[in-house]
Each structure stands twice: as structure tokens, then as C-alpha cells.
């Protein structure tokens, strides 16, 4: 989305005080927040995978079926 708005793709650093690129500060900030959310979700996904693989196992509960009203 921010690429459509004209945000440069590659920047080594971002100078928030530079008036020439000040209009892009919001896009850069939103991209950084989005990257952090993506990183956090990836870490949580790995946590779920690891706990699923190495966590304690539960016994499967017996299936219970409803009693039919009409035979």
C-alpha cells in the first residue's frame, strides 16, 4: 500500500528531521509497525508449532452421540 503512495523501497536509514522527506514519515512509521506485527505473529506461530510438537499429550475423549428421537 505504501509503495503506491510513493515510499522508496530501500533506505539505509530514515531522517525524520529532513523536510524533503517529511511527508513520508507516516508511511515509514506504519511500515515499521506493520513489520513488527508481522515479526510478532511469526514468533507466536513458531511457539504454537513447538508447543504442539513437544507439549504434553492429552487422551482423546470418547465420542458422545445424540440419542435419536425417531427410529
N, C-alpha and C. Protein backbone atom coordinates (compact mmCIF):
# COMPACT_ATOMS: atom_id res chain seq x y z
N UNK A 1 0.82 -1.19 0.00
CA UNK A 1 0.00 0.00 0.00
C UNK A 1 0.86 1.26 0.00
N UNK A 2 1.89 1.28 0.83
CA UNK A 2 2.71 2.49 0.90
C UNK A 2 3.58 2.66 -0.33
N UNK A 3 3.85 1.57 -1.05
CA UNK A 3 4.58 1.69 -2.30
C UNK A 3 3.79 2.46 -3.34
N UNK A 4 2.49 2.28 -3.34
CA UNK A 4 1.63 3.02 -4.25
C UNK A 4 1.65 4.51 -3.89
N UNK A 5 1.80 4.80 -2.62
CA UNK A 5 1.85 6.20 -2.18
C UNK A 5 3.18 6.88 -2.48
N UNK A 6 4.16 6.11 -2.96
CA UNK A 6 5.43 6.70 -3.35
C UNK A 6 6.57 6.52 -2.37
N UNK A 7 6.43 5.62 -1.40
CA UNK A 7 7.51 5.40 -0.44
C UNK A 7 8.66 4.66 -1.12
N UNK A 8 9.89 5.10 -0.96
CA UNK A 8 11.02 4.39 -1.55
C UNK A 8 11.13 2.98 -0.98
N UNK A 9 11.62 2.06 -1.80
CA UNK A 9 11.68 0.67 -1.38
C UNK A 9 12.85 0.39 -0.45
N UNK A 10 13.98 0.99 -0.70
CA UNK A 10 15.17 0.67 0.09
C UNK A 10 15.77 1.94 0.68
N UNK A 11 15.88 1.94 2.00
CA UNK A 11 16.52 3.07 2.69
C UNK A 11 17.41 2.50 3.78
N UNK A 12 18.64 2.97 3.86
CA UNK A 12 19.54 2.51 4.90
C UNK A 12 19.12 3.08 6.25
N UNK A 13 18.64 4.31 6.26
CA UNK A 13 18.15 4.95 7.48
C UNK A 13 17.12 5.98 7.06
N UNK A 14 16.37 6.46 8.00
CA UNK A 14 15.35 7.47 7.71
C UNK A 14 15.55 8.64 8.63
N UNK A 15 15.74 9.82 8.07
CA UNK A 15 15.95 11.04 8.83
C UNK A 15 14.60 11.76 8.96
N UNK A 16 14.00 11.67 10.12
CA UNK A 16 12.69 12.28 10.33
C UNK A 16 12.74 13.81 10.34
N UNK A 17 13.92 14.39 10.50
CA UNK A 17 14.05 15.85 10.55
C UNK A 17 14.23 16.47 9.17
N UNK A 18 14.48 15.68 8.15
CA UNK A 18 14.70 16.20 6.81
C UNK A 18 13.37 16.67 6.22
N UNK A 19 13.23 17.95 5.91
CA UNK A 19 11.95 18.44 5.41
C UNK A 19 11.60 17.92 4.02
N UNK A 20 12.59 17.48 3.25
CA UNK A 20 12.32 16.98 1.90
C UNK A 20 11.57 15.64 1.93
N UNK A 21 11.82 14.84 2.94
CA UNK A 21 11.15 13.54 3.01
C UNK A 21 10.19 13.45 4.20
N UNK A 22 9.89 14.57 4.81
CA UNK A 22 8.97 14.59 5.96
C UNK A 22 7.58 14.07 5.62
N UNK A 23 7.03 14.29 4.42
CA UNK A 23 5.70 13.76 4.14
C UNK A 23 5.63 12.23 4.15
N UNK A 24 6.76 11.56 4.01
CA UNK A 24 6.77 10.10 4.00
C UNK A 24 6.91 9.51 5.40
N UNK A 25 7.03 10.33 6.42
CA UNK A 25 7.26 9.83 7.78
C UNK A 25 6.12 8.93 8.24
N UNK A 26 4.89 9.28 7.92
CA UNK A 26 3.76 8.46 8.35
C UNK A 26 3.81 7.08 7.69
N UNK A 27 4.13 7.04 6.40
CA UNK A 27 4.21 5.76 5.69
C UNK A 27 5.33 4.89 6.25
N UNK A 28 6.47 5.50 6.53
CA UNK A 28 7.59 4.75 7.09
C UNK A 28 7.24 4.22 8.47
N UNK A 29 6.59 5.02 9.28
CA UNK A 29 6.20 4.59 10.62
C UNK A 29 5.20 3.45 10.55
N UNK A 30 4.22 3.55 9.66
CA UNK A 30 3.23 2.48 9.52
C UNK A 30 3.88 1.19 9.01
N UNK A 31 4.85 1.31 8.12
CA UNK A 31 5.57 0.13 7.63
C UNK A 31 6.37 -0.52 8.75
N UNK A 32 6.98 0.28 9.60
CA UNK A 32 7.74 -0.27 10.72
C UNK A 32 6.83 -0.97 11.71
N UNK A 33 5.68 -0.38 11.99
CA UNK A 33 4.72 -1.02 12.90
C UNK A 33 4.20 -2.31 12.29
N UNK A 34 3.90 -2.29 11.00
CA UNK A 34 3.44 -3.50 10.32
C UNK A 34 4.49 -4.59 10.32
N UNK A 35 5.75 -4.22 10.14
CA UNK A 35 6.83 -5.20 10.21
C UNK A 35 6.96 -5.81 11.58
N UNK A 36 6.79 -5.00 12.61
CA UNK A 36 6.85 -5.52 13.98
C UNK A 36 5.69 -6.48 14.24
N UNK A 37 4.50 -6.15 13.77
CA UNK A 37 3.34 -7.04 13.95
C UNK A 37 3.57 -8.35 13.21
N UNK A 38 4.14 -8.28 12.01
CA UNK A 38 4.43 -9.49 11.25
C UNK A 38 5.47 -10.35 11.96
N UNK A 39 6.49 -9.74 12.51
CA UNK A 39 7.50 -10.48 13.27
C UNK A 39 6.89 -11.13 14.50
N UNK A 40 6.06 -10.40 15.22
CA UNK A 40 5.42 -10.94 16.41
C UNK A 40 4.51 -12.11 16.06
N UNK A 41 3.76 -12.01 14.98
CA UNK A 41 2.87 -13.10 14.59
C UNK A 41 3.67 -14.32 14.16
N UNK A 42 4.80 -14.12 13.50
CA UNK A 42 5.65 -15.25 13.13
C UNK A 42 6.23 -15.95 14.35
N UNK A 43 6.63 -15.19 15.35
CA UNK A 43 7.15 -15.79 16.58
C UNK A 43 6.07 -16.56 17.32
N UNK A 44 4.86 -16.01 17.36
CA UNK A 44 3.76 -16.72 18.00
C UNK A 44 3.41 -18.00 17.25
N UNK A 45 3.49 -17.97 15.92
CA UNK A 45 3.25 -19.16 15.13
C UNK A 45 4.27 -20.24 15.44
N UNK A 46 5.55 -19.86 15.54
CA UNK A 46 6.58 -20.83 15.91
C UNK A 46 6.35 -21.38 17.31
N UNK A 47 5.90 -20.55 18.23
CA UNK A 47 5.60 -21.01 19.58
C UNK A 47 4.49 -22.06 19.56
N UNK A 48 3.46 -21.83 18.78
CA UNK A 48 2.37 -22.79 18.68
C UNK A 48 2.86 -24.10 18.08
N UNK A 49 3.70 -24.03 17.05
CA UNK A 49 4.23 -25.25 16.45
C UNK A 49 5.09 -26.04 17.43
N UNK A 50 5.96 -25.36 18.16
CA UNK A 50 6.85 -26.03 19.11
C UNK A 50 6.05 -26.65 20.25
N UNK A 51 5.09 -25.90 20.79
CA UNK A 51 4.28 -26.45 21.88
C UNK A 51 3.41 -27.61 21.40
N UNK A 52 2.97 -27.57 20.17
CA UNK A 52 2.19 -28.67 19.63
C UNK A 52 3.02 -29.92 19.42
N UNK A 53 4.28 -29.74 19.05
CA UNK A 53 5.14 -30.89 18.79
C UNK A 53 5.68 -31.49 20.09
N UNK A 54 6.09 -30.66 21.01
CA UNK A 54 6.78 -31.16 22.20
C UNK A 54 5.96 -31.02 23.48
N UNK A 55 4.75 -30.54 23.40
CA UNK A 55 3.93 -30.36 24.59
C UNK A 55 3.37 -31.68 25.11
N UNK A 56 2.73 -31.60 26.25
CA UNK A 56 2.13 -32.79 26.86
C UNK A 56 0.94 -33.26 26.03
N UNK A 57 0.79 -34.56 25.96
CA UNK A 57 -0.30 -35.13 25.18
C UNK A 57 -1.48 -35.43 26.08
N UNK A 58 -2.66 -35.20 25.57
CA UNK A 58 -3.89 -35.50 26.28
C UNK A 58 -4.53 -36.74 25.67
N UNK A 59 -5.25 -37.46 26.51
CA UNK A 59 -6.01 -38.60 26.00
C UNK A 59 -7.23 -38.07 25.26
N UNK A 60 -7.54 -38.73 24.17
CA UNK A 60 -8.70 -38.32 23.39
C UNK A 60 -9.97 -38.68 24.16
N UNK A 61 -10.89 -37.75 24.21
CA UNK A 61 -12.16 -38.00 24.89
C UNK A 61 -13.02 -38.92 24.04
N UNK A 62 -13.82 -39.73 24.71
CA UNK A 62 -14.72 -40.63 23.99
C UNK A 62 -15.78 -39.81 23.27
N UNK A 63 -16.14 -40.28 22.08
CA UNK A 63 -17.17 -39.58 21.32
C UNK A 63 -18.53 -39.83 21.95
N UNK A 64 -19.29 -38.79 22.04
CA UNK A 64 -20.66 -38.91 22.54
C UNK A 64 -21.59 -38.51 21.41
N UNK A 65 -22.58 -39.36 21.21
CA UNK A 65 -23.53 -39.10 20.14
C UNK A 65 -24.90 -38.82 20.74
N UNK A 66 -25.69 -38.07 20.03
CA UNK A 66 -27.04 -37.77 20.48
C UNK A 66 -27.93 -39.01 20.32
N UNK A 67 -28.90 -39.11 21.19
CA UNK A 67 -29.86 -40.21 21.10
C UNK A 67 -30.92 -39.81 20.07
N UNK A 68 -31.18 -40.69 19.08
CA UNK A 68 -32.18 -40.33 18.07
C UNK A 68 -33.58 -40.32 18.66
N UNK A 69 -34.39 -39.38 18.23
CA UNK A 69 -35.77 -39.30 18.70
C UNK A 69 -36.68 -40.24 17.92
N UNK A 70 -36.40 -40.45 16.65
CA UNK A 70 -37.23 -41.31 15.80
C UNK A 70 -36.37 -42.43 15.26
N UNK A 71 -36.89 -43.62 15.29
CA UNK A 71 -36.15 -44.76 14.75
C UNK A 71 -36.76 -45.24 13.49
